[in-house]
Protein backbone atom coordinates (compact mmCIF):
# COMPACT_ATOMS: atom_id res chain seq x y z
CA MET A 1 -14.48 -36.10 -8.62
CA ARG A 2 -14.60 -33.14 -11.04
CA THR A 3 -18.07 -32.25 -9.80
CA SER A 4 -16.85 -32.22 -6.18
CA ILE A 5 -13.93 -29.95 -7.07
CA LEU A 6 -16.19 -27.64 -9.09
CA CYS A 7 -18.72 -27.44 -6.22
CA GLY A 8 -15.88 -26.67 -3.81
CA LEU A 9 -14.59 -23.84 -6.02
CA VAL A 10 -18.11 -22.37 -6.30
CA VAL A 11 -18.53 -22.41 -2.50
CA VAL A 12 -15.10 -20.83 -1.90
CA SER A 13 -15.67 -18.20 -4.62
CA SER A 14 -19.07 -17.26 -3.26
CA SER A 15 -17.64 -16.86 0.25
CA PHE A 16 -15.13 -14.32 -1.13
CA LEU A 17 -17.96 -12.42 -2.82
CA CYS A 18 -19.92 -12.36 0.45
CA ALA A 19 -16.83 -11.12 2.30
CA ALA A 20 -16.42 -8.31 -0.25
CA ASP A 21 -20.00 -7.18 0.47
CA GLN A 22 -19.11 -6.93 4.18
CA ILE A 23 -16.30 -4.39 3.79
CA GLN A 24 -16.69 -1.89 6.59
CA PRO A 25 -15.06 1.52 6.18
CA LEU A 26 -12.72 2.75 8.90
CA ASP A 27 -14.47 4.95 11.46
CA VAL A 28 -12.49 8.14 10.85
CA LYS A 29 -13.34 11.73 10.06
CA LEU A 30 -13.58 12.92 6.47
CA GLY A 31 -11.44 15.78 5.27
CA LEU A 32 -7.76 16.69 5.15
CA TRP A 33 -5.28 14.17 6.60
CA GLU A 34 -1.51 14.24 6.87
CA THR A 35 0.23 10.88 6.58
CA THR A 36 3.85 10.42 7.64
CA PHE A 37 5.70 7.42 6.20
CA ALA A 38 8.83 5.81 7.60
CA THR A 39 10.72 2.90 6.08
CA ASN A 40 11.91 0.72 8.90
CA GLN A 41 13.72 -1.93 6.87
CA MET A 42 14.81 -2.17 3.28
CA SER A 43 16.80 -4.91 1.64
CA GLY A 44 17.86 -5.28 -1.95
CA MET A 45 18.14 -2.61 -4.56
CA PRO A 46 15.67 -1.42 -7.17
CA SER A 47 15.72 -3.25 -10.45
CA ILE A 48 18.48 -1.16 -12.01
CA PRO A 49 21.04 -3.54 -13.46
CA PRO A 50 24.55 -2.97 -12.03
CA GLU A 51 25.96 -2.51 -15.54
CA ALA A 52 23.42 0.28 -16.19
CA MET A 53 24.40 1.99 -12.92
CA ALA A 54 28.09 1.65 -13.86
CA ASN A 55 27.44 3.39 -17.20
CA LEU A 56 25.73 6.41 -15.65
CA PRO A 57 27.61 9.68 -15.30
CA PRO A 58 28.89 10.05 -11.68
CA GLU A 59 26.51 12.91 -10.83
CA GLN A 60 23.46 10.99 -12.07
CA ARG A 61 24.54 7.83 -10.22
CA ALA A 62 25.01 9.92 -7.05
CA LYS A 63 21.47 11.34 -7.43
CA ILE A 64 19.98 7.85 -7.72
CA GLU A 65 21.94 6.60 -4.72
CA GLU A 66 20.87 9.66 -2.70
CA ALA A 67 17.23 9.10 -3.66
CA MET A 68 17.49 5.49 -2.48
CA LYS A 69 18.88 6.62 0.88
CA ALA A 70 16.08 9.20 1.18
CA ARG A 71 13.49 6.44 0.71
CA GLY A 72 14.48 5.22 4.15
CA ALA A 73 13.76 8.58 5.76
CA ALA A 74 10.37 9.71 7.00
CA ASN A 75 8.28 11.78 4.60
CA ALA A 76 4.77 13.21 4.75
CA ARG A 77 1.94 13.95 2.36
CA ARG A 78 -1.51 15.45 2.67
CA THR A 79 -4.58 13.69 1.29
CA CYS A 80 -8.27 14.47 1.13
CA ILE A 81 -10.13 11.51 2.63
CA THR A 82 -13.64 11.17 1.19
CA LYS A 83 -16.44 8.71 1.88
CA ASP A 84 -15.78 7.18 -1.55
CA LYS A 85 -12.10 6.55 -0.71
CA LEU A 86 -13.05 4.96 2.61
CA ASP A 87 -15.67 2.75 0.93
CA LYS A 88 -13.15 1.61 -1.70
CA THR A 89 -10.46 0.93 0.97
CA ASN A 90 -7.91 3.18 -0.73
CA ALA A 91 -8.01 6.10 1.69
CA PHE A 92 -4.64 5.51 3.35
CA SER A 93 -2.96 3.25 0.79
CA ASP A 94 -1.41 3.63 -2.62
CA GLU A 95 -4.03 4.86 -5.10
CA ARG A 96 -2.33 3.59 -8.26
CA LYS A 97 -4.85 2.14 -10.69
CA THR A 98 -2.38 -0.62 -11.63
CA CYS A 99 -2.66 -2.08 -8.13
CA THR A 100 -5.23 -4.60 -7.04
CA ARG A 101 -6.31 -4.80 -3.42
CA THR A 102 -7.83 -7.82 -1.72
CA VAL A 103 -9.38 -7.14 1.65
CA VAL A 104 -8.43 -9.73 4.27
CA THR A 105 -9.96 -8.07 7.35
CA SER A 106 -12.34 -5.12 7.50
CA THR A 107 -13.81 -3.59 10.65
CA SER A 108 -14.50 -0.01 11.69
CA HIS A 109 -11.11 0.04 13.44
CA LYS A 110 -8.90 -2.31 11.40
CA LEU A 111 -8.23 -2.94 7.74
CA GLU A 112 -5.83 -5.50 6.29
CA MET A 113 -5.29 -5.83 2.54
CA ARG A 114 -3.14 -7.84 0.18
CA VAL A 115 -1.80 -5.53 -2.51
CA GLU A 116 -0.37 -6.43 -5.91
CA CYS A 117 1.08 -3.86 -8.32
CA GLY A 118 2.88 -4.02 -11.64
CA ASP A 119 3.30 -6.83 -14.12
CA GLN A 120 5.15 -10.16 -14.22
CA ALA A 121 8.44 -8.46 -15.15
CA SER A 122 8.37 -6.13 -12.15
CA LYS A 123 5.71 -7.09 -9.63
CA VAL A 124 5.34 -5.80 -6.08
CA THR A 125 3.16 -7.69 -3.61
CA GLY A 126 2.55 -7.32 0.06
CA THR A 127 0.30 -6.56 2.98
CA VAL A 128 -1.01 -3.26 4.30
CA ARG A 129 -2.44 -3.13 7.82
CA ILE A 130 -4.26 -0.01 9.05
CA GLU A 131 -5.65 0.66 12.52
CA ALA A 132 -7.92 3.57 13.44
CA VAL A 133 -6.59 4.52 16.88
CA ASP A 134 -9.49 6.96 17.12
CA SER A 135 -11.49 9.02 14.59
CA GLU A 136 -8.59 11.49 14.12
CA ASN A 137 -5.52 9.19 14.21
CA ILE A 138 -4.46 6.07 12.39
CA LYS A 139 -1.34 3.94 12.33
CA GLY A 140 -0.29 1.28 9.91
CA THR A 141 2.37 -1.01 8.55
CA THR A 142 3.39 -2.22 5.11
CA GLN A 143 5.33 -5.31 4.14
CA MET A 144 6.18 -5.37 0.44
CA ALA A 145 8.35 -7.58 -1.75
CA GLY A 146 9.16 -7.05 -5.39
CA GLY A 147 11.73 -6.10 -7.93
CA THR A 148 12.93 -8.62 -10.48
CA SER A 149 14.35 -12.10 -10.15
CA ASP A 150 17.84 -10.61 -10.55
CA HIS A 151 17.21 -7.73 -8.12
CA PRO A 152 14.72 -8.69 -5.40
CA MET A 153 13.71 -6.00 -2.96
CA ASN A 154 11.85 -6.06 0.38
CA VAL A 155 10.51 -3.02 2.17
CA ASN A 156 8.88 -2.99 5.60
CA GLY A 157 7.52 0.33 6.72
CA SER A 158 5.18 2.08 9.05
CA PHE A 159 3.04 5.17 8.87
CA THR A 160 0.82 7.37 10.98
CA ALA A 161 -1.88 9.78 9.89
CA LYS A 162 -3.65 12.57 11.68
CA TRP A 163 -6.77 14.47 10.79
CA ILE A 164 -6.06 18.14 10.01
CA GLY A 165 -9.60 19.40 9.44
CA PRO A 166 -12.82 19.03 7.44
CA ASP A 167 -11.78 21.34 4.57
CA CYS A 168 -9.39 19.83 2.02
CA GLY A 169 -8.87 23.07 0.13
CA ALA A 170 -7.00 22.30 -3.12
CA VAL A 171 -5.68 18.93 -1.88
CA LYS A 172 -7.14 15.93 -3.72
């Protein structure tokens, strides 16, 4: 029985390793891209205990509340997309080193990843889906859940990105 289970785990593990070798970068142009993010749905609050919020000075509490409202608004950032970023599947997703990405689907036009960031105390997990509409435009969605057991939070968002040009200038 143990041998059968062990053989099964080896087969499943090796299939994941083979899948990792078959990651196909998105077929998009390299260079400067502008990504616009929009949060479509947000539930829960960040893991700031209510008693801590209550003890903040009114102006600081107002700033935090305003920042939370702004998270729901669209915002944009510019990024330099390199071959290395495309090969590592972090071209259009969060580049934090504390996050692990597991590729679910990878083709020249679609990428789906499971993402996990943080630690047990404050973990965020979810799915990122990216579609190359053409070589100069992408669209994507994110579905993330996290926070703490006392303050769970779910965020569903969408984003689009457009190619600006081949020269990134000072943008990393």
